[in-house]
Amino acid sequence: MTDALFYDARRRLVFCALFGLHALFMAYTLDRWDAAFSLPWLQAISYSTSLLLELMGVTVSLGAVPGDYAILSMNHVVFHVTRECTGVYALGLYVAAVLSYPATLGQRFAALAWCLQTFFGYSIARLVLLDVIAAVAPDWTGFLNIYLLVIVTAGFLLWLWATWVNHLPDDSRP
């Protein structure tokens, strides 16, 4: 990791300003072009989760409200899978952090490719975990979904970003 970013006030200010601008751009993009970005992500995660639950022996019915959210219906619970459930907005902040950090274009593409695959798997595991909790301890489902897993999701993306930054060679930064 480059020490210059953390010890140079000007570089910190530039990173923070770029992060703010990229975060605004990502929020606008994800909202404006929802059908192109957020909905396919939501549908892919919902479909993959239903397949994994079926493999685990859970009977799942997958439905949707077109343009809004997916519905995962199991014997013991019905999930309305929204964009927030799939972490698409948190993923937008990760993209903003990657675009703001001083790295080469190839390094940024690698960070995005690695994160998308890893976070896709995480999002599926998150929904499967919620289903297991709903079957075993249904009273805990709301707490886990609304509070604990939101914090875990943010921490997971922060860990992905920090891991990427720590693996960048110092001499390859622009």
C-alpha atoms as a PDB file:
ATOM      1  CA  MET A   1       0.000   0.000   0.000  1.00  0.00           C
ATOM      2  CA  THR A   2       1.329   3.421  -0.813  1.00  0.00           C
ATOM      3  CA  ASP A   3       2.164   5.504   2.230  1.00  0.00           C
ATOM      4  CA  ALA A   4       1.942   8.686   0.172  1.00  0.00           C
ATOM      5  CA  LEU A   5      -1.857   8.540   0.058  1.00  0.00           C
ATOM      6  CA  PHE A   6      -2.131   8.383   3.815  1.00  0.00           C
ATOM      7  CA  TYR A   7       0.649  10.810   4.738  1.00  0.00           C
ATOM      8  CA  ASP A   8       0.122  13.428   2.039  1.00  0.00           C
ATOM      9  CA  ALA A   9      -2.830  15.709   2.855  1.00  0.00           C
ATOM     10  CA  ARG A  10      -3.263  16.745  -0.789  1.00  0.00           C
ATOM     11  CA  ARG A  11      -3.541  13.144  -1.992  1.00  0.00           C
ATOM     12  CA  ARG A  12      -6.026  12.325   0.786  1.00  0.00           C
ATOM     13  CA  LEU A  13      -8.129  15.318  -0.215  1.00  0.00           C
ATOM     14  CA  VAL A  14      -8.038  14.307  -3.889  1.00  0.00           C
ATOM     15  CA  PHE A  15      -9.036  10.723  -3.010  1.00  0.00           C
ATOM     16  CA  CYS A  16     -11.929  11.923  -0.833  1.00  0.00           C
ATOM     17  CA  ALA A  17     -13.140  14.386  -3.483  1.00  0.00           C
ATOM     18  CA  LEU A  18     -12.959  11.750  -6.221  1.00  0.00           C
ATOM     19  CA  PHE A  19     -14.701   9.212  -4.002  1.00  0.00           C
ATOM     20  CA  GLY A  20     -17.542  11.675  -3.352  1.00  0.00           C
ATOM     21  CA  LEU A  21     -17.925  12.429  -7.060  1.00  0.00           C
ATOM     22  CA  HIS A  22     -17.776   8.767  -8.063  1.00  0.00           C
ATOM     23  CA  ALA A  23     -20.271   7.836  -5.317  1.00  0.00           C
ATOM     24  CA  LEU A  24     -22.706  10.462  -6.619  1.00  0.00           C
ATOM     25  CA  PHE A  25     -22.173   9.220 -10.164  1.00  0.00           C
ATOM     26  CA  MET A  26     -22.777   5.605  -9.102  1.00  0.00           C
ATOM     27  CA  ALA A  27     -25.934   6.548  -7.191  1.00  0.00           C
ATOM     28  CA  TYR A  28     -27.237   8.443 -10.222  1.00  0.00           C
ATOM     29  CA  THR A  29     -26.284   5.621 -12.592  1.00  0.00           C
ATOM     30  CA  LEU A  30     -27.846   2.860 -10.490  1.00  0.00           C
ATOM     31  CA  ASP A  31     -31.037   4.886 -10.107  1.00  0.00           C
ATOM     32  CA  ARG A  32     -31.291   6.239 -13.655  1.00  0.00           C
ATOM     33  CA  TRP A  33     -30.385   3.019 -15.467  1.00  0.00           C
ATOM     34  CA  ASP A  34     -31.933   0.617 -12.986  1.00  0.00           C
ATOM     35  CA  ALA A  35     -33.116  -1.807 -15.672  1.00  0.00           C
ATOM     36  CA  ALA A  36     -29.610  -2.092 -17.102  1.00  0.00           C
ATOM     37  CA  PHE A  37     -27.626  -2.502 -13.871  1.00  0.00           C
ATOM     38  CA  SER A  38     -29.586  -3.154 -10.669  1.00  0.00           C
ATOM     39  CA  LEU A  39     -32.384  -5.395 -11.941  1.00  0.00           C
ATOM     40  CA  PRO A  40     -30.175  -7.912 -13.801  1.00  0.00           C
ATOM     41  CA  TRP A  41     -27.974  -8.175 -10.682  1.00  0.00           C
ATOM     42  CA  LEU A  42     -31.064  -8.721  -8.502  1.00  0.00           C
ATOM     43  CA  GLN A  43     -32.542 -11.308 -10.859  1.00  0.00           C
ATOM     44  CA  ALA A  44     -29.287 -13.244 -11.215  1.00  0.00           C
ATOM     45  CA  ILE A  45     -28.771 -13.432  -7.455  1.00  0.00           C
ATOM     46  CA  SER A  46     -32.398 -14.418  -6.825  1.00  0.00           C
ATOM     47  CA  TYR A  47     -32.292 -17.135  -9.476  1.00  0.00           C
ATOM     48  CA  SER A  48     -28.942 -18.479  -8.267  1.00  0.00           C
ATOM     49  CA  THR A  49     -30.162 -18.486  -4.672  1.00  0.00           C
ATOM     50  CA  SER A  50     -33.262 -20.445  -5.656  1.00  0.00           C
ATOM     51  CA  LEU A  51     -31.091 -23.016  -7.471  1.00  0.00           C
ATOM     52  CA  LEU A  52     -28.791 -23.407  -4.458  1.00  0.00           C
ATOM     53  CA  LEU A  53     -31.732 -23.768  -2.077  1.00  0.00           C
ATOM     54  CA  GLU A  54     -33.251 -26.417  -4.379  1.00  0.00           C
ATOM     55  CA  LEU A  55     -29.945 -28.292  -4.302  1.00  0.00           C
ATOM     56  CA  MET A  56     -30.105 -28.135  -0.496  1.00  0.00           C
ATOM     57  CA  GLY A  57     -33.549 -29.747  -0.604  1.00  0.00           C
ATOM     58  CA  VAL A  58     -35.625 -26.635   0.035  1.00  0.00           C
ATOM     59  CA  THR A  59     -38.650 -26.266  -2.224  1.00  0.00           C
ATOM     60  CA  VAL A  60     -38.505 -22.787  -3.732  1.00  0.00           C
ATOM     61  CA  SER A  61     -40.878 -20.876  -5.941  1.00  0.00           C
ATOM     62  CA  LEU A  62     -39.282 -17.921  -7.685  1.00  0.00           C
ATOM     63  CA  GLY A  63     -41.479 -15.049  -8.754  1.00  0.00           C
ATOM     64  CA  ALA A  64     -41.128 -11.363  -9.363  1.00  0.00           C
ATOM     65  CA  VAL A  65     -42.867  -8.044  -9.507  1.00  0.00           C
ATOM     66  CA  PRO A  66     -41.571  -6.843 -12.878  1.00  0.00           C
ATOM     67  CA  GLY A  67     -39.225  -3.904 -12.535  1.00  0.00           C
ATOM     68  CA  ASP A  68     -39.355  -3.948  -8.745  1.00  0.00           C
ATOM     69  CA  TYR A  69     -38.267  -7.014  -6.774  1.00  0.00           C
ATOM     70  CA  ALA A  70     -38.017 -10.790  -6.815  1.00  0.00           C
ATOM     71  CA  ILE A  71     -39.997 -13.142  -4.607  1.00  0.00           C
ATOM     72  CA  LEU A  72     -38.450 -16.276  -3.132  1.00  0.00           C
ATOM     73  CA  SER A  73     -41.205 -18.390  -1.626  1.00  0.00           C
ATOM     74  CA  MET A  74     -40.273 -21.345   0.538  1.00  0.00           C
ATOM     75  CA  ASN A  75     -42.496 -23.485   2.762  1.00  0.00           C
ATOM     76  CA  HIS A  76     -41.626 -21.544   5.888  1.00  0.00           C
ATOM     77  CA  VAL A  77     -40.996 -18.003   4.614  1.00  0.00           C
ATOM     78  CA  VAL A  78     -41.444 -15.602   1.699  1.00  0.00           C
ATOM     79  CA  PHE A  79     -38.613 -13.202   0.859  1.00  0.00           C
ATOM     80  CA  HIS A  80     -39.114 -10.046  -1.145  1.00  0.00           C
ATOM     81  CA  VAL A  81     -35.625  -9.666  -2.578  1.00  0.00           C
ATOM     82  CA  THR A  82     -34.953  -5.988  -3.209  1.00  0.00           C
ATOM     83  CA  ARG A  83     -31.895  -4.184  -4.496  1.00  0.00           C
ATOM     84  CA  GLU A  84     -30.780  -3.586  -0.925  1.00  0.00           C
ATOM     85  CA  CYS A  85     -30.869  -7.355  -0.275  1.00  0.00           C
ATOM     86  CA  THR A  86     -28.389  -7.941  -3.080  1.00  0.00           C
ATOM     87  CA  GLY A  87     -26.059  -5.149  -1.975  1.00  0.00           C
ATOM     88  CA  VAL A  88     -26.100  -3.341  -5.298  1.00  0.00           C
ATOM     89  CA  TYR A  89     -25.829   0.094  -3.670  1.00  0.00           C
ATOM     90  CA  ALA A  90     -22.985  -0.996  -1.400  1.00  0.00           C
ATOM     91  CA  LEU A  91     -21.332  -2.436  -4.499  1.00  0.00           C
ATOM     92  CA  GLY A  92     -21.681   1.010  -6.087  1.00  0.00           C
ATOM     93  CA  LEU A  93     -19.638   2.464  -3.218  1.00  0.00           C
ATOM     94  CA  TYR A  94     -16.979  -0.192  -3.787  1.00  0.00           C
ATOM     95  CA  VAL A  95     -16.794   0.791  -7.456  1.00  0.00           C
ATOM     96  CA  ALA A  96     -16.479   4.452  -6.421  1.00  0.00           C
ATOM     97  CA  ALA A  97     -13.585   3.578  -4.080  1.00  0.00           C
ATOM     98  CA  VAL A  98     -11.797   1.580  -6.789  1.00  0.00           C
ATOM     99  CA  LEU A  99     -12.202   4.353  -9.351  1.00  0.00           C
ATOM    100  CA  SER A 100     -10.948   6.950  -6.856  1.00  0.00           C
ATOM    101  CA  TYR A 101      -7.808   5.121  -5.773  1.00  0.00           C
ATOM    102  CA  PRO A 102      -4.599   5.871  -7.700  1.00  0.00           C
ATOM    103  CA  ALA A 103      -4.076   2.689  -9.720  1.00  0.00           C
ATOM    104  CA  THR A 104      -3.680   1.731 -13.343  1.00  0.00           C
ATOM    105  CA  LEU A 105      -6.699   0.948 -15.494  1.00  0.00           C
ATOM    106  CA  GLY A 106      -5.784  -2.748 -15.611  1.00  0.00           C
ATOM    107  CA  GLN A 107      -5.540  -2.908 -11.820  1.00  0.00           C
ATOM    108  CA  ARG A 108      -8.958  -1.286 -11.526  1.00  0.00           C
ATOM    109  CA  PHE A 109     -10.513  -3.765 -13.966  1.00  0.00           C
ATOM    110  CA  ALA A 110      -8.960  -6.622 -11.982  1.00  0.00           C
ATOM    111  CA  ALA A 111     -10.389  -5.198  -8.740  1.00  0.00           C
ATOM    112  CA  LEU A 112     -13.858  -4.920 -10.260  1.00  0.00           C
ATOM    113  CA  ALA A 113     -13.779  -8.397 -11.804  1.00  0.00           C
ATOM    114  CA  TRP A 114     -12.563  -9.980  -8.573  1.00  0.00           C
ATOM    115  CA  CYS A 115     -15.116  -8.157  -6.451  1.00  0.00           C
ATOM    116  CA  LEU A 116     -18.101  -8.846  -8.700  1.00  0.00           C
ATOM    117  CA  GLN A 117     -17.497 -12.588  -8.570  1.00  0.00           C
ATOM    118  CA  THR A 118     -16.768 -12.641  -4.853  1.00  0.00           C
ATOM    119  CA  PHE A 119     -19.642 -10.361  -3.928  1.00  0.00           C
ATOM    120  CA  PHE A 120     -22.062 -12.308  -6.129  1.00  0.00           C
ATOM    121  CA  GLY A 121     -21.251 -15.438  -4.140  1.00  0.00           C
ATOM    122  CA  TYR A 122     -21.504 -13.513  -0.874  1.00  0.00           C
ATOM    123  CA  SER A 123     -24.958 -12.181  -1.794  1.00  0.00           C
ATOM    124  CA  ILE A 124     -26.217 -15.686  -2.543  1.00  0.00           C
ATOM    125  CA  ALA A 125     -24.746 -17.015   0.711  1.00  0.00           C
ATOM    126  CA  ARG A 126     -26.416 -14.135   2.580  1.00  0.00           C
ATOM    127  CA  LEU A 127     -29.868 -15.057   1.252  1.00  0.00           C
ATOM    128  CA  VAL A 128     -29.307 -18.758   1.937  1.00  0.00           C
ATOM    129  CA  LEU A 129     -28.245 -17.915   5.503  1.00  0.00           C
ATOM    130  CA  LEU A 130     -31.396 -15.836   5.962  1.00  0.00           C
ATOM    131  CA  ASP A 131     -33.474 -18.779   4.768  1.00  0.00           C
ATOM    132  CA  VAL A 132     -31.768 -21.139   7.202  1.00  0.00           C
ATOM    133  CA  ILE A 133     -32.299 -18.660  10.057  1.00  0.00           C
ATOM    134  CA  ALA A 134     -35.945 -18.205   9.027  1.00  0.00           C
ATOM    135  CA  ALA A 135     -36.421 -21.975   9.277  1.00  0.00           C
ATOM    136  CA  VAL A 136     -34.573 -22.400  12.579  1.00  0.00           C
ATOM    137  CA  ALA A 137     -35.158 -19.125  14.451  1.00  0.00           C
ATOM    138  CA  PRO A 138     -37.699 -16.993  12.563  1.00  0.00           C
ATOM    139  CA  ASP A 139     -37.740 -14.266  15.221  1.00  0.00           C
ATOM    140  CA  TRP A 140     -34.115 -13.440  14.396  1.00  0.00           C
ATOM    141  CA  THR A 141     -34.635 -13.019  10.651  1.00  0.00           C
ATOM    142  CA  GLY A 142     -35.638  -9.349  10.782  1.00  0.00           C
ATOM    143  CA  PHE A 143     -32.761  -8.383  13.072  1.00  0.00           C
ATOM    144  CA  LEU A 144     -30.223 -10.230  10.951  1.00  0.00           C
ATOM    145  CA  ASN A 145     -31.548  -8.846   7.680  1.00  0.00           C
ATOM    146  CA  ILE A 146     -31.995  -5.229   8.720  1.00  0.00           C
ATOM    147  CA  TYR A 147     -29.100  -4.710  11.115  1.00  0.00           C
ATOM    148  CA  LEU A 148     -26.401  -7.330  11.347  1.00  0.00           C
ATOM    149  CA  LEU A 149     -26.044  -8.356   7.707  1.00  0.00           C
ATOM    150  CA  VAL A 150     -26.069  -4.735   6.507  1.00  0.00           C
ATOM    151  CA  ILE A 151     -23.030  -4.068   8.694  1.00  0.00           C
ATOM    152  CA  VAL A 152     -21.411  -7.339   7.598  1.00  0.00           C
ATOM    153  CA  THR A 153     -21.998  -6.429   3.935  1.00  0.00           C
ATOM    154  CA  ALA A 154     -20.342  -3.030   4.357  1.00  0.00           C
ATOM    155  CA  GLY A 155     -17.453  -4.635   6.214  1.00  0.00           C
ATOM    156  CA  PHE A 156     -17.066  -7.339   3.574  1.00  0.00           C
ATOM    157  CA  LEU A 157     -16.828  -4.774   0.771  1.00  0.00           C
ATOM    158  CA  LEU A 158     -14.388  -2.680   2.803  1.00  0.00           C
ATOM    159  CA  TRP A 159     -12.295  -5.818   3.311  1.00  0.00           C
ATOM    160  CA  LEU A 160     -12.383  -6.568  -0.438  1.00  0.00           C
ATOM    161  CA  TRP A 161     -11.221  -3.026  -1.220  1.00  0.00           C
ATOM    162  CA  ALA A 162      -8.479  -3.042   1.446  1.00  0.00           C
ATOM    163  CA  THR A 163      -7.247  -6.433   0.223  1.00  0.00           C
ATOM    164  CA  TRP A 164      -7.024  -5.095  -3.321  1.00  0.00           C
ATOM    165  CA  VAL A 165      -5.181  -1.949  -2.185  1.00  0.00           C
ATOM    166  CA  ASN A 166      -2.734  -3.950  -0.063  1.00  0.00           C
ATOM    167  CA  HIS A 167      -1.867  -6.209  -3.012  1.00  0.00           C
ATOM    168  CA  LEU A 168      -1.049  -3.347  -5.381  1.00  0.00           C
ATOM    169  CA  PRO A 169       2.685  -3.040  -6.057  1.00  0.00           C
ATOM    170  CA  ASP A 170       4.031   0.391  -5.083  1.00  0.00           C
ATOM    171  CA  ASP A 171       5.969   0.885  -8.328  1.00  0.00           C
ATOM    172  CA  SER A 172       2.991   0.290 -10.663  1.00  0.00           C
ATOM    173  CA  ARG A 173       0.846   3.172  -9.473  1.00  0.00           C
ATOM    174  CA  PRO A 174       0.576   6.188 -11.756  1.00  0.00           C
END
